[in-house]
Amino acid sequence: MNTFCIGKFPIGTQYMPMRKNTYLCTVKDIHKTFNNSGDLVRTSYVATHEFCGQTITESDVTETTIARGVIHMTENMRKKEKHA
């Protein structure tokens, strides 16, 4: 197992960014940056979503964006369950 591709959110995690027009994003890859000493400096994610039949790729998504999006998605699901 490749230990470099493990982040706080695994590949395949789905979330909805907190925007006016929300859409479902999926984490596709994890990018980690190390300095010369071998210390982890930065972790960013690659995510994709659909727009007008095209796959849009965002290459610099932070953990905070995904964390807020996961919470936003669960809140939307709860609201839909209450109305149903």
Protein backbone atom coordinates (compact mmCIF):
# COMPACT_ATOMS: atom_id res chain seq x y z
CA MET A 1 0.00 0.00 0.00
CA ASN A 2 1.31 3.41 -0.94
CA THR A 3 1.55 5.41 2.30
CA PHE A 4 2.11 8.67 0.43
CA CYS A 5 -1.47 8.70 -0.90
CA ILE A 6 -3.13 8.69 2.50
CA GLY A 7 -4.64 11.96 3.64
CA LYS A 8 -7.27 13.08 6.08
CA PHE A 9 -9.88 12.41 3.39
CA PRO A 10 -9.41 9.26 1.29
CA ILE A 11 -9.70 9.13 -2.48
CA GLY A 12 -13.36 8.74 -3.42
CA THR A 13 -14.71 11.06 -0.70
CA GLN A 14 -17.69 13.05 -1.95
CA TYR A 15 -18.61 16.56 -0.77
CA MET A 16 -20.65 19.61 -1.76
CA PRO A 17 -18.76 22.92 -1.68
CA MET A 18 -20.44 25.75 0.21
CA ARG A 19 -21.46 27.95 -2.71
CA LYS A 20 -24.67 29.42 -4.05
CA ASN A 21 -24.96 26.74 -6.73
CA THR A 22 -23.71 23.54 -5.15
CA TYR A 23 -22.67 20.38 -6.94
CA LEU A 24 -21.23 17.03 -5.92
CA CYS A 25 -17.42 16.80 -5.99
CA THR A 26 -15.29 13.67 -5.67
CA VAL A 27 -11.70 13.50 -4.41
CA LYS A 28 -9.57 11.87 -7.13
CA ASP A 29 -5.97 12.31 -5.93
CA ILE A 30 -3.86 13.60 -3.05
CA HIS A 31 -0.81 15.84 -3.57
CA LYS A 32 1.74 16.18 -0.79
CA THR A 33 4.66 18.61 -0.77
CA PHE A 34 7.82 17.86 1.23
CA ASN A 35 10.82 20.10 1.91
CA ASN A 36 14.49 19.02 1.61
CA SER A 37 14.45 17.70 5.18
CA GLY A 38 11.63 15.33 4.33
CA ASP A 39 9.04 17.20 6.41
CA LEU A 40 5.50 17.40 5.09
CA VAL A 41 4.85 21.03 4.15
CA ARG A 42 1.48 20.91 2.43
CA THR A 43 -1.34 18.54 1.52
CA SER A 44 -3.78 19.39 -1.25
CA TYR A 45 -6.39 17.37 -3.08
CA VAL A 46 -7.53 16.97 -6.68
CA ALA A 47 -11.32 16.89 -7.06
CA THR A 48 -13.69 16.59 -10.00
CA HIS A 49 -17.32 17.48 -10.69
CA GLU A 50 -19.70 17.51 -13.65
CA PHE A 51 -20.73 20.74 -15.39
CA CYS A 52 -22.83 20.74 -18.59
CA GLY A 53 -21.71 17.21 -19.40
CA GLN A 54 -18.02 18.01 -18.93
CA THR A 55 -15.76 16.79 -16.12
CA ILE A 56 -14.17 19.76 -14.36
CA THR A 57 -10.97 19.13 -12.38
CA GLU A 58 -9.88 21.32 -9.48
CA SER A 59 -6.22 20.69 -8.66
CA ASP A 60 -5.67 22.69 -5.47
CA VAL A 61 -8.44 21.85 -2.99
CA THR A 62 -7.61 22.22 0.70
CA GLU A 63 -8.67 19.93 3.56
CA THR A 64 -10.79 22.73 5.01
CA THR A 65 -12.85 23.02 1.82
CA ILE A 66 -13.54 19.28 1.83
CA ALA A 67 -14.35 19.22 5.58
CA ARG A 68 -16.87 22.05 5.20
CA GLY A 69 -18.29 20.40 2.09
CA VAL A 70 -18.84 17.07 3.86
CA ILE A 71 -20.72 18.85 6.66
CA HIS A 72 -22.73 20.86 4.11
CA MET A 73 -23.66 17.68 2.23
CA THR A 74 -24.85 15.89 5.40
CA GLU A 75 -26.94 18.92 6.42
CA ASN A 76 -28.60 19.00 2.99
CA MET A 77 -29.36 15.28 3.22
CA ARG A 78 -30.98 15.76 6.65
CA LYS A 79 -33.13 18.62 5.32
CA LYS A 80 -34.31 16.46 2.43
CA GLU A 81 -35.17 13.60 4.80
CA LYS A 82 -37.26 15.92 7.00
CA HIS A 83 -39.26 17.18 4.02
CA ALA A 84 -39.89 13.68 2.67
